[in-house]
C-alpha cells in the first residue's frame, strides 16, 4: 500500500506468432516502437533505444489527445495525456516497465516476461497502477489500466503484422 490506499494491480498477456528471440528483437526495435506510437494515435512522440549496463532500454515519450476521455480526466490531465514509458530488458526474457504521465500524478510500475509456448511467444505484463489524486484517483487508476490494456492489445496486433513482414 502507498499512502494508505491499495494499488490497482494490472496484468495482461499478449501472444506473438514467433520465437522469443524474434519477439525480443522486435520489442527493442526503435522502428517498431515508432509504429506502435503512430497507430496508437499519439499526436507526437520520440523513441530512443540504447544498450545500458543493465540491459536494453527503450524509452517512448508521447502525447495523446484526451478529447474522447471522460470530463473528470480532462480536468486532471488537460487536453493531452503526456506519457513517458520505459522498458528495460535485463535479458531476452525479462524486463521492467515504468509508465508515467509526465508532470501528472499517475504511474505504472511492473515487470515484463517473455516465454515460449510452442511456436508462439507469450508476453506477460504485470504492474501496479497508482494515481495520487483525492476522490478520483481510483477512477483514474482504472482508466490507466484500461488504456494500458488497449495499448498492449494494439502492440500485439502491430507486432503480429511486424513479425509477418507487413
C-alpha atoms as a PDB file:
ATOM      1  CA  UNK A   1       0.000   0.000   0.000  1.00  0.00           C
ATOM      2  CA  UNK A   2       1.110   3.524  -0.760  1.00  0.00           C
ATOM      3  CA  UNK A   3      -0.321   6.469   1.113  1.00  0.00           C
ATOM      4  CA  UNK A   4      -2.784   4.143   2.836  1.00  0.00           C
ATOM      5  CA  UNK A   5      -4.584   3.205  -0.382  1.00  0.00           C
ATOM      6  CA  UNK A   6      -4.126  -0.124  -2.146  1.00  0.00           C
ATOM      7  CA  UNK A   7      -2.509  -0.047  -5.587  1.00  0.00           C
ATOM      8  CA  UNK A   8      -4.517  -1.224  -8.551  1.00  0.00           C
ATOM      9  CA  UNK A   9      -2.990  -4.407  -9.979  1.00  0.00           C
ATOM     10  CA  UNK A  10      -2.743  -4.733 -13.753  1.00  0.00           C
ATOM     11  CA  UNK A  11      -1.986  -7.957 -15.669  1.00  0.00           C
ATOM     12  CA  UNK A  12      -2.111  -8.685 -19.405  1.00  0.00           C
ATOM     13  CA  UNK A  13      -0.893 -11.460 -21.710  1.00  0.00           C
ATOM     14  CA  UNK A  14      -0.202 -10.957 -25.403  1.00  0.00           C
ATOM     15  CA  UNK A  15       0.636 -13.807 -27.797  1.00  0.00           C
ATOM     16  CA  UNK A  16       3.019 -13.313 -30.691  1.00  0.00           C
ATOM     17  CA  UNK A  17       3.362 -15.807 -33.570  1.00  0.00           C
ATOM     18  CA  UNK A  18       7.161 -16.091 -33.371  1.00  0.00           C
ATOM     19  CA  UNK A  19      10.027 -17.389 -31.226  1.00  0.00           C
ATOM     20  CA  UNK A  20      11.171 -15.453 -28.147  1.00  0.00           C
ATOM     21  CA  UNK A  21      14.349 -14.150 -29.838  1.00  0.00           C
ATOM     22  CA  UNK A  22      12.349 -12.595 -32.698  1.00  0.00           C
ATOM     23  CA  UNK A  23       9.790 -11.044 -30.337  1.00  0.00           C
ATOM     24  CA  UNK A  24      12.517  -9.635 -28.096  1.00  0.00           C
ATOM     25  CA  UNK A  25      14.321  -8.133 -31.113  1.00  0.00           C
ATOM     26  CA  UNK A  26      11.051  -6.540 -32.224  1.00  0.00           C
ATOM     27  CA  UNK A  27      10.229  -5.120 -28.776  1.00  0.00           C
ATOM     28  CA  UNK A  28      13.623  -3.398 -28.523  1.00  0.00           C
ATOM     29  CA  UNK A  29      13.416  -2.010 -32.075  1.00  0.00           C
ATOM     30  CA  UNK A  30      13.073   1.772 -32.406  1.00  0.00           C
ATOM     31  CA  UNK A  31      11.140   1.364 -35.654  1.00  0.00           C
ATOM     32  CA  UNK A  32       8.620  -0.990 -34.014  1.00  0.00           C
ATOM     33  CA  UNK A  33       8.076   1.410 -31.097  1.00  0.00           C
ATOM     34  CA  UNK A  34       7.513   4.289 -33.539  1.00  0.00           C
ATOM     35  CA  UNK A  35       4.961   2.229 -35.485  1.00  0.00           C
ATOM     36  CA  UNK A  36       3.040   1.412 -32.292  1.00  0.00           C
ATOM     37  CA  UNK A  37       3.037   5.091 -31.228  1.00  0.00           C
ATOM     38  CA  UNK A  38       1.740   6.171 -34.631  1.00  0.00           C
ATOM     39  CA  UNK A  39      -1.020   3.551 -34.681  1.00  0.00           C
ATOM     40  CA  UNK A  40      -1.981   4.347 -31.074  1.00  0.00           C
ATOM     41  CA  UNK A  41      -2.998   7.837 -32.192  1.00  0.00           C
ATOM     42  CA  UNK A  42      -0.220   9.744 -30.451  1.00  0.00           C
ATOM     43  CA  UNK A  43      -0.089  13.338 -31.654  1.00  0.00           C
ATOM     44  CA  UNK A  44       3.692  13.373 -31.154  1.00  0.00           C
ATOM     45  CA  UNK A  45       6.381  11.004 -29.943  1.00  0.00           C
ATOM     46  CA  UNK A  46      10.103  10.394 -29.592  1.00  0.00           C
ATOM     47  CA  UNK A  47      11.694   6.973 -29.230  1.00  0.00           C
ATOM     48  CA  UNK A  48      15.180   6.055 -28.062  1.00  0.00           C
ATOM     49  CA  UNK A  49      16.663   2.591 -27.676  1.00  0.00           C
ATOM     50  CA  UNK A  50      20.076   2.116 -26.119  1.00  0.00           C
ATOM     51  CA  UNK A  51      22.278  -0.535 -24.580  1.00  0.00           C
ATOM     52  CA  UNK A  52      22.913   0.224 -20.892  1.00  0.00           C
ATOM     53  CA  UNK A  53      24.967  -1.673 -18.306  1.00  0.00           C
ATOM     54  CA  UNK A  54      21.684  -3.216 -17.072  1.00  0.00           C
ATOM     55  CA  UNK A  55      20.278  -4.192 -20.485  1.00  0.00           C
ATOM     56  CA  UNK A  56      18.429  -2.700 -23.456  1.00  0.00           C
ATOM     57  CA  UNK A  57      16.451   0.398 -22.557  1.00  0.00           C
ATOM     58  CA  UNK A  58      13.574   1.549 -24.752  1.00  0.00           C
ATOM     59  CA  UNK A  59      12.112   4.977 -23.950  1.00  0.00           C
ATOM     60  CA  UNK A  60       8.972   6.345 -25.585  1.00  0.00           C
ATOM     61  CA  UNK A  61       7.802   9.877 -24.812  1.00  0.00           C
ATOM     62  CA  UNK A  62       4.433  10.580 -26.395  1.00  0.00           C
ATOM     63  CA  UNK A  63       1.322  12.670 -26.082  1.00  0.00           C
ATOM     64  CA  UNK A  64      -2.212  11.654 -26.946  1.00  0.00           C
ATOM     65  CA  UNK A  65      -5.310  13.843 -27.170  1.00  0.00           C
ATOM     66  CA  UNK A  66      -7.790  13.417 -24.319  1.00  0.00           C
ATOM     67  CA  UNK A  67     -10.874  14.694 -26.191  1.00  0.00           C
ATOM     68  CA  UNK A  68     -12.581  11.277 -26.056  1.00  0.00           C
ATOM     69  CA  UNK A  69     -11.832  10.642 -22.377  1.00  0.00           C
ATOM     70  CA  UNK A  70     -14.327  11.420 -19.594  1.00  0.00           C
ATOM     71  CA  UNK A  71     -14.594  15.047 -18.447  1.00  0.00           C
ATOM     72  CA  UNK A  72     -13.119  14.392 -14.988  1.00  0.00           C
ATOM     73  CA  UNK A  73      -9.983  13.020 -16.697  1.00  0.00           C
ATOM     74  CA  UNK A  74      -9.565  16.116 -18.867  1.00  0.00           C
ATOM     75  CA  UNK A  75      -9.892  18.292 -15.737  1.00  0.00           C
ATOM     76  CA  UNK A  76      -6.975  16.483 -14.094  1.00  0.00           C
ATOM     77  CA  UNK A  77      -4.816  15.775 -17.173  1.00  0.00           C
ATOM     78  CA  UNK A  78      -5.671  18.553 -19.630  1.00  0.00           C
ATOM     79  CA  UNK A  79      -6.111  18.372 -23.398  1.00  0.00           C
ATOM     80  CA  UNK A  80      -3.174  15.982 -23.881  1.00  0.00           C
ATOM     81  CA  UNK A  81      -2.018  12.956 -21.939  1.00  0.00           C
ATOM     82  CA  UNK A  82       1.800  13.104 -21.834  1.00  0.00           C
ATOM     83  CA  UNK A  83       3.246   9.613 -21.391  1.00  0.00           C
ATOM     84  CA  UNK A  84       6.815   8.603 -20.524  1.00  0.00           C
ATOM     85  CA  UNK A  85       7.307   4.841 -20.978  1.00  0.00           C
ATOM     86  CA  UNK A  86      10.497   2.942 -20.185  1.00  0.00           C
ATOM     87  CA  UNK A  87      11.063  -0.745 -20.826  1.00  0.00           C
ATOM     88  CA  UNK A  88      14.375  -2.138 -19.636  1.00  0.00           C
ATOM     89  CA  UNK A  89      15.052  -5.654 -20.863  1.00  0.00           C
ATOM     90  CA  UNK A  90      17.620  -7.136 -18.489  1.00  0.00           C
ATOM     91  CA  UNK A  91      17.618 -10.345 -20.536  1.00  0.00           C
ATOM     92  CA  UNK A  92      15.893 -11.710 -23.608  1.00  0.00           C
ATOM     93  CA  UNK A  93      13.005 -12.894 -21.439  1.00  0.00           C
ATOM     94  CA  UNK A  94      12.756 -10.417 -18.553  1.00  0.00           C
ATOM     95  CA  UNK A  95      12.226  -6.706 -18.268  1.00  0.00           C
ATOM     96  CA  UNK A  96      10.935  -3.870 -16.149  1.00  0.00           C
ATOM     97  CA  UNK A  97       8.232  -1.433 -17.198  1.00  0.00           C
ATOM     98  CA  UNK A  98       7.644   2.097 -15.944  1.00  0.00           C
ATOM     99  CA  UNK A  99       4.948   4.347 -17.359  1.00  0.00           C
ATOM    100  CA  UNK A 100       4.307   7.843 -16.016  1.00  0.00           C
ATOM    101  CA  UNK A 101       2.061  10.689 -17.029  1.00  0.00           C
ATOM    102  CA  UNK A 102       4.721  13.383 -17.377  1.00  0.00           C
ATOM    103  CA  UNK A 103       4.039  16.159 -14.882  1.00  0.00           C
ATOM    104  CA  UNK A 104       0.826  14.457 -13.746  1.00  0.00           C
ATOM    105  CA  UNK A 105       0.007  12.297 -10.685  1.00  0.00           C
ATOM    106  CA  UNK A 106      -0.142   8.850 -12.299  1.00  0.00           C
ATOM    107  CA  UNK A 107       2.285   5.968 -12.802  1.00  0.00           C
ATOM    108  CA  UNK A 108       2.563   2.270 -13.515  1.00  0.00           C
ATOM    109  CA  UNK A 109       5.497   0.066 -12.397  1.00  0.00           C
ATOM    110  CA  UNK A 110       5.882  -3.591 -13.208  1.00  0.00           C
ATOM    111  CA  UNK A 111       7.540  -6.475 -14.979  1.00  0.00           C
ATOM    112  CA  UNK A 112       7.571  -7.942 -18.466  1.00  0.00           C
ATOM    113  CA  UNK A 113       8.210 -11.615 -19.166  1.00  0.00           C
ATOM    114  CA  UNK A 114       8.571 -13.393 -22.482  1.00  0.00           C
ATOM    115  CA  UNK A 115       8.065 -17.159 -22.557  1.00  0.00           C
ATOM    116  CA  UNK A 116       7.930 -19.704 -25.341  1.00  0.00           C
ATOM    117  CA  UNK A 117       4.646 -21.566 -25.789  1.00  0.00           C
ATOM    118  CA  UNK A 118       5.087 -23.922 -28.719  1.00  0.00           C
ATOM    119  CA  UNK A 119       5.767 -21.825 -31.817  1.00  0.00           C
ATOM    120  CA  UNK A 120       4.473 -18.687 -30.092  1.00  0.00           C
ATOM    121  CA  UNK A 121       5.805 -16.272 -27.511  1.00  0.00           C
ATOM    122  CA  UNK A 122       3.671 -15.085 -24.612  1.00  0.00           C
ATOM    123  CA  UNK A 123       4.416 -11.611 -23.280  1.00  0.00           C
ATOM    124  CA  UNK A 124       3.147 -11.190 -19.714  1.00  0.00           C
ATOM    125  CA  UNK A 125       2.951  -7.702 -18.231  1.00  0.00           C
ATOM    126  CA  UNK A 126       2.147  -7.332 -14.530  1.00  0.00           C
ATOM    127  CA  UNK A 127       2.151  -3.928 -12.869  1.00  0.00           C
ATOM    128  CA  UNK A 128       0.808  -1.711 -10.122  1.00  0.00           C
ATOM    129  CA  UNK A 129      -1.036   1.468 -11.119  1.00  0.00           C
ATOM    130  CA  UNK A 130      -1.083   4.455  -8.773  1.00  0.00           C
ATOM    131  CA  UNK A 131      -2.730   7.866  -9.145  1.00  0.00           C
ATOM    132  CA  UNK A 132      -2.375  10.316  -6.260  1.00  0.00           C
ATOM    133  CA  UNK A 133      -5.467  12.464  -6.735  1.00  0.00           C
ATOM    134  CA  UNK A 134      -8.033  12.680  -3.941  1.00  0.00           C
ATOM    135  CA  UNK A 135     -11.557  11.431  -4.785  1.00  0.00           C
ATOM    136  CA  UNK A 136     -10.888  10.473  -8.438  1.00  0.00           C
ATOM    137  CA  UNK A 137      -7.578   8.582  -8.074  1.00  0.00           C
ATOM    138  CA  UNK A 138      -9.272   5.160  -8.170  1.00  0.00           C
ATOM    139  CA  UNK A 139     -11.217   6.060 -11.310  1.00  0.00           C
ATOM    140  CA  UNK A 140      -8.027   7.304 -12.978  1.00  0.00           C
ATOM    141  CA  UNK A 141      -6.168   4.132 -11.975  1.00  0.00           C
ATOM    142  CA  UNK A 142      -8.872   2.036 -13.616  1.00  0.00           C
ATOM    143  CA  UNK A 143      -8.720   4.211 -16.732  1.00  0.00           C
ATOM    144  CA  UNK A 144      -4.903   3.948 -16.913  1.00  0.00           C
ATOM    145  CA  UNK A 145      -5.240   0.165 -16.635  1.00  0.00           C
ATOM    146  CA  UNK A 146      -7.753   0.160 -19.495  1.00  0.00           C
ATOM    147  CA  UNK A 147      -5.563   2.440 -21.644  1.00  0.00           C
ATOM    148  CA  UNK A 148      -2.514   0.243 -20.983  1.00  0.00           C
ATOM    149  CA  UNK A 149      -4.511  -2.887 -21.791  1.00  0.00           C
ATOM    150  CA  UNK A 150      -5.675  -1.352 -25.080  1.00  0.00           C
ATOM    151  CA  UNK A 151      -2.133  -0.256 -25.897  1.00  0.00           C
ATOM    152  CA  UNK A 152      -0.800  -3.762 -25.277  1.00  0.00           C
ATOM    153  CA  UNK A 153      -3.588  -5.209 -27.440  1.00  0.00           C
ATOM    154  CA  UNK A 154      -2.585  -2.794 -30.202  1.00  0.00           C
ATOM    155  CA  UNK A 155       1.065  -3.713 -29.670  1.00  0.00           C
ATOM    156  CA  UNK A 156       0.075  -7.358 -30.137  1.00  0.00           C
ATOM    157  CA  UNK A 157      -1.685  -6.603 -33.428  1.00  0.00           C
ATOM    158  CA  UNK A 158       1.127  -4.374 -34.720  1.00  0.00           C
ATOM    159  CA  UNK A 159       3.629  -6.986 -33.532  1.00  0.00           C
ATOM    160  CA  UNK A 160       1.884  -9.802 -35.413  1.00  0.00           C
ATOM    161  CA  UNK A 161       1.970  -7.689 -38.595  1.00  0.00           C
ATOM    162  CA  UNK A 162       5.617  -6.773 -37.963  1.00  0.00           C
ATOM    163  CA  UNK A 163       6.614 -10.393 -37.443  1.00  0.00           C
ATOM    164  CA  UNK A 164       4.708 -11.413 -40.593  1.00  0.00           C
ATOM    165  CA  UNK A 165       6.774  -8.876 -42.532  1.00  0.00           C
ATOM    166  CA  UNK A 166       3.960  -6.443 -43.323  1.00  0.00           C
END
